[in-house]
C-alpha atoms as a PDB file:
ATOM      1  CA  MET A   1      13.979  76.480  33.517  1.00  0.00           C
ATOM      2  CA  TYR A   2      10.715  78.366  33.990  1.00  0.00           C
ATOM      3  CA  GLY A   3       8.539  75.443  35.020  1.00  0.00           C
ATOM      4  CA  MET A   4       5.412  74.175  33.294  1.00  0.00           C
ATOM      5  CA  ALA A   5       3.314  77.205  34.291  1.00  0.00           C
ATOM      6  CA  GLY A   6       5.883  79.706  32.971  1.00  0.00           C
ATOM      7  CA  THR A   7       6.299  77.719  29.756  1.00  0.00           C
ATOM      8  CA  LEU A   8       2.545  77.807  29.166  1.00  0.00           C
ATOM      9  CA  GLY A   9       2.583  81.587  29.558  1.00  0.00           C
ATOM     10  CA  GLY A  10       5.350  81.723  26.969  1.00  0.00           C
ATOM     11  CA  LEU A  11       3.258  79.577  24.621  1.00  0.00           C
ATOM     12  CA  MET A  12       0.428  82.076  24.848  1.00  0.00           C
ATOM     13  CA  ALA A  13       2.885  84.766  23.727  1.00  0.00           C
ATOM     14  CA  VAL A  14       3.972  82.529  20.831  1.00  0.00           C
ATOM     15  CA  GLY A  15       0.323  82.321  19.772  1.00  0.00           C
ATOM     16  CA  LEU A  16       0.249  86.115  19.616  1.00  0.00           C
ATOM     17  CA  VAL A  17       3.417  86.083  17.471  1.00  0.00           C
ATOM     18  CA  TYR A  18       1.626  83.783  15.022  1.00  0.00           C
ATOM     19  CA  ALA A  19      -1.310  86.207  14.966  1.00  0.00           C
ATOM     20  CA  GLY A  20       1.041  89.136  14.330  1.00  0.00           C
ATOM     21  CA  MET A  21       2.722  87.320  11.446  1.00  0.00           C
ATOM     22  CA  SER A  22      -0.713  86.484  10.065  1.00  0.00           C
ATOM     23  CA  ALA A  23      -1.660  90.176  10.112  1.00  0.00           C
ATOM     24  CA  LEU A  24       1.615  91.122   8.401  1.00  0.00           C
ATOM     25  CA  ILE A  25       1.032  88.623   5.592  1.00  0.00           C
ATOM     26  CA  LYS A  26      -2.533  89.884   5.213  1.00  0.00           C
ATOM     27  CA  LEU A  27      -1.246  93.454   4.815  1.00  0.00           C
ATOM     28  CA  ARG A  28       1.645  92.647   2.469  1.00  0.00           C
ATOM     29  CA  GLY A  29      -0.278  90.119   0.385  1.00  0.00           C
ATOM     30  CA  VAL A  30       0.407  86.509  -0.503  1.00  0.00           C
ATOM     31  CA  ARG A  31       2.454  87.429  -3.600  1.00  0.00           C
ATOM     32  CA  PHE A  32       5.204  88.641  -1.285  1.00  0.00           C
ATOM     33  CA  ILE A  33       5.448  85.179   0.283  1.00  0.00           C
ATOM     34  CA  GLU A  34       5.276  83.430  -3.081  1.00  0.00           C
ATOM     35  CA  ARG A  35       8.209  85.473  -4.343  1.00  0.00           C
ATOM     36  CA  LEU A  36      10.208  84.554  -1.261  1.00  0.00           C
ATOM     37  CA  PHE A  37       9.300  80.884  -1.731  1.00  0.00           C
ATOM     38  CA  PRO A  38       9.420  80.006  -5.449  1.00  0.00           C
ATOM     39  CA  SER A  39       9.392  76.336  -6.362  1.00  0.00           C
ATOM     40  CA  VAL A  40      13.195  76.168  -6.419  1.00  0.00           C
ATOM     41  CA  VAL A  41      13.073  76.878  -2.668  1.00  0.00           C
ATOM     42  CA  VAL A  42       9.815  75.110  -1.811  1.00  0.00           C
ATOM     43  CA  GLY A  43      10.730  71.854  -3.578  1.00  0.00           C
ATOM     44  CA  PRO A  44      13.922  71.083  -1.641  1.00  0.00           C
ATOM     45  CA  VAL A  45      12.368  72.335   1.619  1.00  0.00           C
ATOM     46  CA  ILE A  46       9.550  69.791   1.229  1.00  0.00           C
ATOM     47  CA  ILE A  47      12.143  67.105   0.473  1.00  0.00           C
ATOM     48  CA  VAL A  48      13.954  68.093   3.669  1.00  0.00           C
ATOM     49  CA  ILE A  49      10.690  67.844   5.640  1.00  0.00           C
ATOM     50  CA  GLY A  50      10.318  64.235   4.535  1.00  0.00           C
ATOM     51  CA  LEU A  51      13.941  63.138   4.819  1.00  0.00           C
ATOM     52  CA  SER A  52      14.517  64.857   8.168  1.00  0.00           C
ATOM     53  CA  LEU A  53      11.767  62.654   9.606  1.00  0.00           C
ATOM     54  CA  ALA A  54      13.352  59.474   8.233  1.00  0.00           C
ATOM     55  CA  PRO A  55      15.658  58.889  11.251  1.00  0.00           C
ATOM     56  CA  THR A  56      12.564  58.753  13.467  1.00  0.00           C
ATOM     57  CA  ALA A  57      11.229  55.801  11.478  1.00  0.00           C
ATOM     58  CA  ILE A  58      14.591  54.031  11.445  1.00  0.00           C
ATOM     59  CA  ASN A  59      15.113  54.528  15.186  1.00  0.00           C
ATOM     60  CA  MET A  60      11.677  53.075  15.925  1.00  0.00           C
ATOM     61  CA  ILE A  61      12.791  49.896  14.189  1.00  0.00           C
ATOM     62  CA  GLN A  62      16.426  49.678  15.223  1.00  0.00           C
ATOM     63  CA  SER A  63      16.398  51.353  18.651  1.00  0.00           C
ATOM     64  CA  PRO A  64      12.946  50.850  20.222  1.00  0.00           C
ATOM     65  CA  SER A  65      12.357  52.199  23.727  1.00  0.00           C
ATOM     66  CA  ALA A  66       9.986  49.427  24.860  1.00  0.00           C
ATOM     67  CA  GLU A  67      11.756  46.905  27.091  1.00  0.00           C
ATOM     68  CA  ILE A  68      10.059  43.916  25.445  1.00  0.00           C
ATOM     69  CA  LEU A  69      11.450  44.989  22.054  1.00  0.00           C
ATOM     70  CA  GLN A  70      14.974  45.629  23.299  1.00  0.00           C
ATOM     71  CA  THR A  71      15.338  41.905  23.982  1.00  0.00           C
ATOM     72  CA  THR A  72      14.182  40.885  20.499  1.00  0.00           C
ATOM     73  CA  SER A  73      16.590  40.349  17.631  1.00  0.00           C
ATOM     74  CA  PHE A  74      17.511  43.072  15.157  1.00  0.00           C
ATOM     75  CA  GLY A  75      16.277  40.937  12.277  1.00  0.00           C
ATOM     76  CA  LEU A  76      12.918  40.246  13.919  1.00  0.00           C
ATOM     77  CA  ARG A  77      12.204  43.958  14.333  1.00  0.00           C
ATOM     78  CA  TRP A  78      13.049  44.581  10.689  1.00  0.00           C
ATOM     79  CA  LEU A  79      10.883  41.626   9.665  1.00  0.00           C
ATOM     80  CA  VAL A  80       7.842  43.221  11.313  1.00  0.00           C
ATOM     81  CA  ALA A  81       8.611  46.608   9.737  1.00  0.00           C
ATOM     82  CA  ALA A  82       9.116  45.025   6.306  1.00  0.00           C
ATOM     83  CA  VAL A  83       5.781  43.171   6.519  1.00  0.00           C
ATOM     84  CA  VAL A  84       3.992  46.422   7.421  1.00  0.00           C
ATOM     85  CA  LEU A  85       5.722  48.323   4.615  1.00  0.00           C
ATOM     86  CA  GLY A  86       5.153  45.560   2.062  1.00  0.00           C
ATOM     87  CA  THR A  87       1.470  45.220   2.956  1.00  0.00           C
ATOM     88  CA  ALA A  88       0.878  48.963   2.614  1.00  0.00           C
ATOM     89  CA  ILE A  89       2.686  49.043  -0.740  1.00  0.00           C
ATOM     90  CA  LEU A  90       0.624  46.115  -2.060  1.00  0.00           C
ATOM     91  CA  ILE A  91      -2.643  47.774  -0.977  1.00  0.00           C
ATOM     92  CA  VAL A  92      -1.672  51.127  -2.494  1.00  0.00           C
ATOM     93  CA  THR A  93      -0.587  49.494  -5.747  1.00  0.00           C
ATOM     94  CA  PHE A  94      -3.211  46.795  -6.262  1.00  0.00           C
ATOM     95  CA  GLY A  95      -6.010  47.637  -3.816  1.00  0.00           C
ATOM     96  CA  LYS A  96      -9.547  48.367  -5.005  1.00  0.00           C
ATOM     97  CA  GLY A  97     -12.345  50.473  -3.550  1.00  0.00           C
ATOM     98  CA  MET A  98     -12.336  50.889   0.228  1.00  0.00           C
ATOM     99  CA  MET A  99      -9.102  48.927   0.675  1.00  0.00           C
ATOM    100  CA  LYS A 100      -7.182  51.509  -1.331  1.00  0.00           C
ATOM    101  CA  LEU A 101      -8.372  54.217   1.086  1.00  0.00           C
ATOM    102  CA  ILE A 102      -7.003  52.539   4.215  1.00  0.00           C
ATOM    103  CA  PRO A 103      -3.558  51.134   3.337  1.00  0.00           C
ATOM    104  CA  ILE A 104      -2.058  52.548   6.533  1.00  0.00           C
ATOM    105  CA  PHE A 105      -4.667  50.868   8.737  1.00  0.00           C
ATOM    106  CA  ILE A 106      -4.386  47.527   6.912  1.00  0.00           C
ATOM    107  CA  GLY A 107      -0.587  47.580   6.984  1.00  0.00           C
ATOM    108  CA  MET A 108      -0.512  48.336  10.700  1.00  0.00           C
ATOM    109  CA  ALA A 109      -3.218  45.741  11.439  1.00  0.00           C
ATOM    110  CA  VAL A 110      -1.211  43.023   9.678  1.00  0.00           C
ATOM    111  CA  GLY A 111       1.949  44.133  11.479  1.00  0.00           C
ATOM    112  CA  TYR A 112       0.182  44.169  14.847  1.00  0.00           C
ATOM    113  CA  PHE A 113      -1.216  40.661  14.292  1.00  0.00           C
ATOM    114  CA  LEU A 114       2.266  39.417  13.365  1.00  0.00           C
ATOM    115  CA  SER A 115       3.677  41.080  16.489  1.00  0.00           C
ATOM    116  CA  VAL A 116       1.072  39.302  18.641  1.00  0.00           C
ATOM    117  CA  MET A 117       2.024  35.973  17.053  1.00  0.00           C
ATOM    118  CA  LEU A 118       5.699  36.694  17.749  1.00  0.00           C
ATOM    119  CA  GLY A 119       4.961  37.638  21.360  1.00  0.00           C
ATOM    120  CA  ILE A 120       6.386  41.164  21.221  1.00  0.00           C
ATOM    121  CA  VAL A 121       3.255  43.071  22.304  1.00  0.00           C
ATOM    122  CA  ASP A 122       3.196  44.416  25.877  1.00  0.00           C
ATOM    123  CA  TYR A 123      -0.361  44.809  27.238  1.00  0.00           C
ATOM    124  CA  SER A 124       0.648  46.328  30.590  1.00  0.00           C
ATOM    125  CA  ALA A 125      -0.396  49.826  29.452  1.00  0.00           C
ATOM    126  CA  VAL A 126      -3.964  48.606  28.788  1.00  0.00           C
ATOM    127  CA  LEU A 127      -4.217  46.807  32.126  1.00  0.00           C
ATOM    128  CA  ALA A 128      -2.933  49.829  34.047  1.00  0.00           C
ATOM    129  CA  ALA A 129      -5.160  52.388  32.293  1.00  0.00           C
ATOM    130  CA  ASP A 130      -8.505  53.576  33.659  1.00  0.00           C
ATOM    131  CA  TRP A 131     -11.589  53.452  31.481  1.00  0.00           C
ATOM    132  CA  PHE A 132     -12.134  57.202  31.797  1.00  0.00           C
ATOM    133  CA  SER A 133      -9.347  59.744  32.178  1.00  0.00           C
ATOM    134  CA  LEU A 134      -8.908  63.495  32.015  1.00  0.00           C
ATOM    135  CA  PRO A 135      -5.714  65.358  31.161  1.00  0.00           C
ATOM    136  CA  GLU A 136      -3.912  67.177  33.944  1.00  0.00           C
ATOM    137  CA  PHE A 137      -4.469  70.924  33.610  1.00  0.00           C
ATOM    138  CA  THR A 138      -1.921  73.549  34.679  1.00  0.00           C
ATOM    139  CA  ARG A 139      -2.705  77.229  35.094  1.00  0.00           C
ATOM    140  CA  PRO A 140      -0.285  79.400  33.088  1.00  0.00           C
ATOM    141  CA  GLU A 141       1.915  82.003  34.740  1.00  0.00           C
ATOM    142  CA  PHE A 142       3.509  84.977  33.025  1.00  0.00           C
ATOM    143  CA  SER A 143       7.253  85.457  33.200  1.00  0.00           C
ATOM    144  CA  TRP A 144       9.077  87.888  30.933  1.00  0.00           C
ATOM    145  CA  GLY A 145      12.034  85.536  30.913  1.00  0.00           C
ATOM    146  CA  ALA A 146       9.909  82.649  29.640  1.00  0.00           C
ATOM    147  CA  ILE A 147       8.117  84.863  27.123  1.00  0.00           C
ATOM    148  CA  LEU A 148      11.353  86.293  25.689  1.00  0.00           C
ATOM    149  CA  PHE A 149      12.810  82.785  25.571  1.00  0.00           C
ATOM    150  CA  MET A 150       9.830  81.259  23.768  1.00  0.00           C
ATOM    151  CA  ILE A 151       9.111  83.974  21.183  1.00  0.00           C
ATOM    152  CA  PRO A 152      12.257  83.342  19.057  1.00  0.00           C
ATOM    153  CA  VAL A 153      11.398  79.642  19.093  1.00  0.00           C
ATOM    154  CA  ALA A 154       8.287  80.514  17.056  1.00  0.00           C
ATOM    155  CA  VAL A 155      10.405  81.492  14.048  1.00  0.00           C
ATOM    156  CA  ALA A 156      11.290  77.943  12.978  1.00  0.00           C
ATOM    157  CA  PRO A 157       7.750  76.471  13.164  1.00  0.00           C
ATOM    158  CA  ILE A 158       6.356  79.495  11.306  1.00  0.00           C
ATOM    159  CA  ILE A 159       8.837  78.868   8.493  1.00  0.00           C
ATOM    160  CA  GLU A 160       8.060  75.150   8.575  1.00  0.00           C
ATOM    161  CA  HIS A 161       4.356  76.023   8.457  1.00  0.00           C
ATOM    162  CA  VAL A 162       4.886  77.735   5.093  1.00  0.00           C
ATOM    163  CA  GLY A 163       6.700  74.680   3.734  1.00  0.00           C
ATOM    164  CA  ASP A 164       3.998  72.346   5.025  1.00  0.00           C
ATOM    165  CA  MET A 165       1.259  74.420   3.386  1.00  0.00           C
ATOM    166  CA  TYR A 166       3.044  74.141   0.060  1.00  0.00           C
ATOM    167  CA  ALA A 167       3.573  70.406   0.649  1.00  0.00           C
ATOM    168  CA  ILE A 168      -0.036  69.540   1.468  1.00  0.00           C
ATOM    169  CA  GLY A 169      -1.210  71.820  -1.342  1.00  0.00           C
ATOM    170  CA  GLY A 170       0.993  69.921  -3.769  1.00  0.00           C
ATOM    171  CA  VAL A 171      -0.543  66.633  -2.627  1.00  0.00           C
ATOM    172  CA  VAL A 172      -4.175  67.688  -3.129  1.00  0.00           C
ATOM    173  CA  ASN A 173      -3.458  70.025  -6.080  1.00  0.00           C
ATOM    174  CA  LYS A 174      -4.748  73.124  -4.303  1.00  0.00           C
ATOM    175  CA  ASN A 175      -3.080  76.431  -3.475  1.00  0.00           C
ATOM    176  CA  PHE A 176      -3.687  76.811   0.257  1.00  0.00           C
ATOM    177  CA  ILE A 177      -1.354  79.813   0.290  1.00  0.00           C
ATOM    178  CA  GLU A 178      -4.052  81.760  -1.577  1.00  0.00           C
ATOM    179  CA  LYS A 179      -7.215  79.946  -0.463  1.00  0.00           C
ATOM    180  CA  PRO A 180      -8.001  79.911   2.416  1.00  0.00           C
ATOM    181  CA  GLY A 181      -4.792  81.962   2.620  1.00  0.00           C
ATOM    182  CA  LEU A 182      -1.533  81.646   4.513  1.00  0.00           C
ATOM    183  CA  HIS A 183      -2.628  84.373   6.920  1.00  0.00           C
ATOM    184  CA  ARG A 184      -5.643  82.276   7.928  1.00  0.00           C
ATOM    185  CA  THR A 185      -3.684  79.035   8.373  1.00  0.00           C
ATOM    186  CA  LEU A 186      -1.085  80.845  10.479  1.00  0.00           C
ATOM    187  CA  LEU A 187      -3.822  82.490  12.526  1.00  0.00           C
ATOM    188  CA  GLY A 188      -5.375  79.076  13.108  1.00  0.00           C
ATOM    189  CA  ASP A 189      -2.040  77.790  14.424  1.00  0.00           C
ATOM    190  CA  GLY A 190      -1.719  80.886  16.599  1.00  0.00           C
ATOM    191  CA  ILE A 191      -5.189  80.585  18.108  1.00  0.00           C
ATOM    192  CA  ALA A 192      -4.678  76.879  18.808  1.00  0.00           C
ATOM    193  CA  THR A 193      -1.287  77.517  20.430  1.00  0.00           C
ATOM    194  CA  PHE A 194      -2.664  80.390  22.524  1.00  0.00           C
ATOM    195  CA  PHE A 195      -5.516  78.300  23.893  1.00  0.00           C
ATOM    196  CA  ALA A 196      -3.160  75.353  24.409  1.00  0.00           C
ATOM    197  CA  GLY A 197      -1.272  77.621  26.789  1.00  0.00           C
ATOM    198  CA  VAL A 198      -4.524  78.638  28.476  1.00  0.00           C
ATOM    199  CA  MET A 199      -5.664  75.017  28.903  1.00  0.00           C
ATOM    200  CA  GLY A 200      -2.272  73.594  29.820  1.00  0.00           C
ATOM    201  CA  GLY A 201      -1.783  71.562  26.657  1.00  0.00           C
ATOM    202  CA  PRO A 202       1.104  71.187  24.189  1.00  0.00           C
ATOM    203  CA  PRO A 203       1.569  73.866  21.502  1.00  0.00           C
ATOM    204  CA  ASN A 204       0.037  73.401  18.072  1.00  0.00           C
ATOM    205  CA  THR A 205       2.133  72.953  14.958  1.00  0.00           C
ATOM    206  CA  THR A 206       1.658  71.753  11.400  1.00  0.00           C
ATOM    207  CA  TYR A 207       2.156  67.995  11.385  1.00  0.00           C
ATOM    208  CA  SER A 208       4.305  66.959   8.426  1.00  0.00           C
ATOM    209  CA  GLU A 209       3.481  63.276   8.829  1.00  0.00           C
ATOM    210  CA  VAL A 210      -0.142  63.921   7.847  1.00  0.00           C
ATOM    211  CA  THR A 211       1.044  65.069   4.419  1.00  0.00           C
ATOM    212  CA  GLY A 212       2.382  61.583   3.784  1.00  0.00           C
ATOM    213  CA  ALA A 213      -0.876  60.016   4.969  1.00  0.00           C
ATOM    214  CA  VAL A 214      -2.953  62.241   2.677  1.00  0.00           C
ATOM    215  CA  SER A 215      -0.639  61.484  -0.249  1.00  0.00           C
ATOM    216  CA  LEU A 216      -0.955  57.761   0.403  1.00  0.00           C
ATOM    217  CA  THR A 217      -4.722  57.561   0.918  1.00  0.00           C
ATOM    218  CA  LYS A 218      -5.705  60.353  -1.518  1.00  0.00           C
ATOM    219  CA  VAL A 219      -8.231  61.526   1.100  1.00  0.00           C
ATOM    220  CA  GLY A 220      -7.915  65.302   1.473  1.00  0.00           C
ATOM    221  CA  ASP A 221     -11.465  66.315   2.368  1.00  0.00           C
ATOM    222  CA  PRO A 222     -11.378  68.669   5.401  1.00  0.00           C
ATOM    223  CA  LYS A 223     -14.567  67.002   6.676  1.00  0.00           C
ATOM    224  CA  VAL A 224     -12.666  63.742   7.121  1.00  0.00           C
ATOM    225  CA  LEU A 225      -9.934  65.550   9.052  1.00  0.00           C
ATOM    226  CA  ARG A 226     -12.524  67.176  11.320  1.00  0.00           C
ATOM    227  CA  ILE A 227     -14.028  63.758  12.057  1.00  0.00           C
ATOM    228  CA  ALA A 228     -10.524  62.437  12.768  1.00  0.00           C
ATOM    229  CA  ALA A 229      -9.867  65.346  15.140  1.00  0.00           C
ATOM    230  CA  ILE A 230     -13.101  64.764  17.067  1.00  0.00           C
ATOM    231  CA  THR A 231     -12.385  61.031  17.200  1.00  0.00           C
ATOM    232  CA  ALA A 232      -8.918  61.720  18.610  1.00  0.00           C
ATOM    233  CA  ILE A 233     -10.403  63.955  21.323  1.00  0.00           C
ATOM    234  CA  VAL A 234     -12.913  61.262  22.302  1.00  0.00           C
ATOM    235  CA  PHE A 235     -10.222  58.585  22.311  1.00  0.00           C
ATOM    236  CA  SER A 236      -8.034  60.731  24.567  1.00  0.00           C
ATOM    237  CA  LEU A 237     -10.743  60.582  27.251  1.00  0.00           C
ATOM    238  CA  VAL A 238     -10.915  56.774  27.188  1.00  0.00           C
ATOM    239  CA  GLY A 239      -7.878  55.482  29.032  1.00  0.00           C
ATOM    240  CA  LYS A 240      -8.175  51.928  27.721  1.00  0.00           C
ATOM    241  CA  ILE A 241      -8.023  53.118  24.112  1.00  0.00           C
ATOM    242  CA  SER A 242      -4.964  55.265  24.840  1.00  0.00           C
ATOM    243  CA  GLY A 243      -3.427  52.259  26.572  1.00  0.00           C
ATOM    244  CA  PHE A 244      -4.138  50.029  23.580  1.00  0.00           C
ATOM    245  CA  LEU A 245      -2.493  52.498  21.202  1.00  0.00           C
ATOM    246  CA  LYS A 246       0.606  52.368  23.401  1.00  0.00           C
ATOM    247  CA  THR A 247       0.803  48.617  22.812  1.00  0.00           C
ATOM    248  CA  ILE A 248       1.475  49.072  19.093  1.00  0.00           C
ATOM    249  CA  PRO A 249       5.100  47.934  18.689  1.00  0.00           C
ATOM    250  CA  GLU A 250       7.483  50.597  17.440  1.00  0.00           C
ATOM    251  CA  PRO A 251       8.629  48.516  14.429  1.00  0.00           C
ATOM    252  CA  VAL A 252       4.994  48.541  13.235  1.00  0.00           C
ATOM    253  CA  LEU A 253       4.916  52.342  13.402  1.00  0.00           C
ATOM    254  CA  GLY A 254       8.399  52.600  11.923  1.00  0.00           C
ATOM    255  CA  GLY A 255       7.472  50.368   9.001  1.00  0.00           C
ATOM    256  CA  ILE A 256       4.531  52.524   7.945  1.00  0.00           C
ATOM    257  CA  MET A 257       6.504  55.730   8.529  1.00  0.00           C
ATOM    258  CA  LEU A 258       9.161  54.569   6.081  1.00  0.00           C
ATOM    259  CA  LEU A 259       6.518  54.955   3.396  1.00  0.00           C
ATOM    260  CA  LEU A 260       4.827  58.082   4.772  1.00  0.00           C
ATOM    261  CA  PHE A 261       8.008  60.117   5.143  1.00  0.00           C
ATOM    262  CA  GLY A 262       9.244  59.030   1.736  1.00  0.00           C
ATOM    263  CA  MET A 263       5.943  60.172   0.236  1.00  0.00           C
ATOM    264  CA  ILE A 264       6.519  63.658   1.670  1.00  0.00           C
ATOM    265  CA  ALA A 265       9.959  63.825   0.059  1.00  0.00           C
ATOM    266  CA  SER A 266       8.481  62.679  -3.259  1.00  0.00           C
ATOM    267  CA  VAL A 267       6.042  65.619  -3.110  1.00  0.00           C
ATOM    268  CA  GLY A 268       9.061  67.940  -3.083  1.00  0.00           C
ATOM    269  CA  ILE A 269      10.496  66.222  -6.145  1.00  0.00           C
ATOM    270  CA  LYS A 270       7.086  66.506  -7.828  1.00  0.00           C
ATOM    271  CA  THR A 271       7.051  70.242  -7.023  1.00  0.00           C
ATOM    272  CA  LEU A 272      10.320  70.772  -8.887  1.00  0.00           C
ATOM    273  CA  ILE A 273       9.123  68.691 -11.842  1.00  0.00           C
ATOM    274  CA  ASP A 274       5.654  70.254 -12.128  1.00  0.00           C
ATOM    275  CA  SER A 275       7.073  73.795 -11.975  1.00  0.00           C
ATOM    276  CA  LYS A 276       9.560  72.868 -14.720  1.00  0.00           C
ATOM    277  CA  THR A 277      12.430  74.166 -12.586  1.00  0.00           C
ATOM    278  CA  ASN A 278      15.484  74.182 -14.842  1.00  0.00           C
ATOM    279  CA  MET A 279      18.181  72.271 -12.950  1.00  0.00           C
ATOM    280  CA  ASN A 280      20.714  73.058 -15.671  1.00  0.00           C
ATOM    281  CA  ILE A 281      20.859  76.623 -14.316  1.00  0.00           C
ATOM    282  CA  THR A 282      23.677  77.057 -11.805  1.00  0.00           C
ATOM    283  CA  ARG A 283      21.696  79.223  -9.338  1.00  0.00           C
ATOM    284  CA  ASN A 284      18.995  76.564  -9.089  1.00  0.00           C
ATOM    285  CA  GLN A 285      21.585  73.846  -8.541  1.00  0.00           C
ATOM    286  CA  VAL A 286      23.187  75.908  -5.772  1.00  0.00           C
ATOM    287  CA  ILE A 287      19.909  76.648  -3.978  1.00  0.00           C
ATOM    288  CA  VAL A 288      18.666  73.058  -4.087  1.00  0.00           C
ATOM    289  CA  SER A 289      22.053  71.627  -3.084  1.00  0.00           C
ATOM    290  CA  VAL A 290      22.596  73.901  -0.088  1.00  0.00           C
ATOM    291  CA  VAL A 291      19.019  73.562   1.199  1.00  0.00           C
ATOM    292  CA  LEU A 292      19.183  69.760   1.017  1.00  0.00           C
ATOM    293  CA  THR A 293      22.622  69.549   2.622  1.00  0.00           C
ATOM    294  CA  LEU A 294      21.813  71.857   5.539  1.00  0.00           C
ATOM    295  CA  GLY A 295      18.357  70.403   6.119  1.00  0.00           C
ATOM    296  CA  VAL A 296      19.187  66.707   5.915  1.00  0.00           C
ATOM    297  CA  GLY A 297      22.606  67.161   7.525  1.00  0.00           C
ATOM    298  CA  GLY A 298      21.071  68.600  10.687  1.00  0.00           C
ATOM    299  CA  ALA A 299      22.936  71.927  10.710  1.00  0.00           C
ATOM    300  CA  THR A 300      22.159  74.240  13.648  1.00  0.00           C
ATOM    301  CA  LEU A 301      22.566  78.004  14.064  1.00  0.00           C
ATOM    302  CA  GLN A 302      22.904  78.979  17.734  1.00  0.00           C
ATOM    303  CA  TRP A 303      22.921  82.534  19.070  1.00  0.00           C
ATOM    304  CA  GLY A 304      22.323  82.840  22.790  1.00  0.00           C
ATOM    305  CA  SER A 305      18.976  81.262  23.594  1.00  0.00           C
ATOM    306  CA  PHE A 306      17.927  81.480  19.942  1.00  0.00           C
ATOM    307  CA  SER A 307      18.368  78.355  17.862  1.00  0.00           C
ATOM    308  CA  LEU A 308      17.507  77.674  14.232  1.00  0.00           C
ATOM    309  CA  ALA A 309      18.003  74.199  12.842  1.00  0.00           C
ATOM    310  CA  GLY A 310      16.807  71.633  10.347  1.00  0.00           C
ATOM    311  CA  ILE A 311      13.838  72.682   8.238  1.00  0.00           C
ATOM    312  CA  GLY A 312      13.753  76.232   9.611  1.00  0.00           C
ATOM    313  CA  LEU A 313      17.427  76.908   8.893  1.00  0.00           C
ATOM    314  CA  ALA A 314      17.257  75.280   5.458  1.00  0.00           C
ATOM    315  CA  SER A 315      14.220  77.410   4.569  1.00  0.00           C
ATOM    316  CA  VAL A 316      15.877  80.666   5.657  1.00  0.00           C
ATOM    317  CA  VAL A 317      19.067  79.877   3.744  1.00  0.00           C
ATOM    318  CA  GLY A 318      17.028  78.941   0.673  1.00  0.00           C
ATOM    319  CA  VAL A 319      15.145  82.249   0.784  1.00  0.00           C
ATOM    320  CA  VAL A 320      18.371  84.238   1.247  1.00  0.00           C
ATOM    321  CA  LEU A 321      20.113  82.466  -1.636  1.00  0.00           C
ATOM    322  CA  ASN A 322      17.086  83.044  -3.845  1.00  0.00           C
ATOM    323  CA  LEU A 323      17.262  86.767  -3.056  1.00  0.00           C
ATOM    324  CA  ILE A 324      20.999  87.350  -3.426  1.00  0.00           C
ATOM    325  CA  LEU A 325      21.838  85.159  -6.418  1.00  0.00           C
ATOM    326  CA  PRO A 326      21.389  86.759  -9.862  1.00  0.00           C
ATOM    327  CA  GLY A 327      17.904  86.342 -11.326  1.00  0.00           C
ATOM    328  CA  HIS A 328      15.996  86.122  -8.038  1.00  0.00           C
ATOM    329  CA  SER A 329      12.203  86.312  -7.996  1.00  0.00           C
ATOM    330  CA  LEU A 330      11.962  89.788  -6.456  1.00  0.00           C
ATOM    331  CA  LEU A 331      13.403  91.247  -9.653  1.00  0.00           C
ATOM    332  CA  VAL A 332      10.181  90.327 -11.390  1.00  0.00           C
ATOM    333  CA  GLN A 333       8.016  93.352 -12.024  1.00  0.00           C
ATOM    334  CA  GLU A 334       4.411  93.137 -10.947  1.00  0.00           C
ATOM    335  CA  SER A 335       3.277  93.041 -14.528  1.00  0.00           C
ATOM    336  CA  LYS A 336       0.060  91.698 -15.925  1.00  0.00           C
ATOM    337  CA  GLU A 337       1.450  88.149 -15.793  1.00  0.00           C
ATOM    338  CA  ASP A 338       2.448  88.476 -12.118  1.00  0.00           C
ATOM    339  CA  ASP A 339       4.249  85.134 -12.452  1.00  0.00           C
ATOM    340  CA  ILE A 340       7.047  83.792 -10.314  1.00  0.00           C
ATOM    341  CA  VAL A 341      10.363  83.493 -12.114  1.00  0.00           C
ATOM    342  CA  ILE A 342      12.802  80.861 -10.935  1.00  0.00           C
END
């Protein structure tokens, strides 16, 4: 509609929206957010994050885009995925030492080797790739139409960001909402998105899949993630490596994602259990039920160019229900306990 250049200008504006939301949270305090997102809302939202990704894994197995896989049998694709999934489960359950830290890598390696033996790996991407490659840069242009179109789009990922921070915090048993603080994590997203627009790259967003990987490997040290980020940047400049990654058959990726996405959903269940959310209370049953149904069902709210769907819509509805149903968390006085009542 607005072209790549106009879209990039809109992304820069989205980055500023993130920064503005970060400043607002800094001024109002994190307790305000925590009262909007008690565990009865956060738990089902995290479950939705995991389950809403599940179709991606299934489609990679059942409806692959690669031509070489479209000619293979349905059962063969599921065989590869099952071997990957089974290998990862065995490593996670019975692995020792270093092996237990890399179940994803081992599972995918076994699946890739099986795919080679079955003749379903296409190496054309490696042969066609250059050894050294640079991304194509586009200079952003500023269009009020593009900016006004993109700014509302920021609402859903900001809401999802909050859910993802709770999810990853639940995995590593740390409260990232308080330390380093939600305002800082949002600002980081905003800065990254702003400079993505400047450099001509895709916008930044919290990546739910990583939560599953961290839960599976138990590796949550930020230093490791920084090394992974630098490694990814280096790999992106080597065309042959990028080409090799493209040769990984989709059933291999789908098989490991079956476990990763399920792990995210299990974090949401753990959140409800650890917070001792009383599911015998009707209001809690209503909130959890509606959030899960809207989020997993793929409901969409459309108003002009503004659209809210999936995780974003489920989160908003969960917050609203928590506020309007009797006994909501904002009724709690800021007493010496300063606890969140659900």
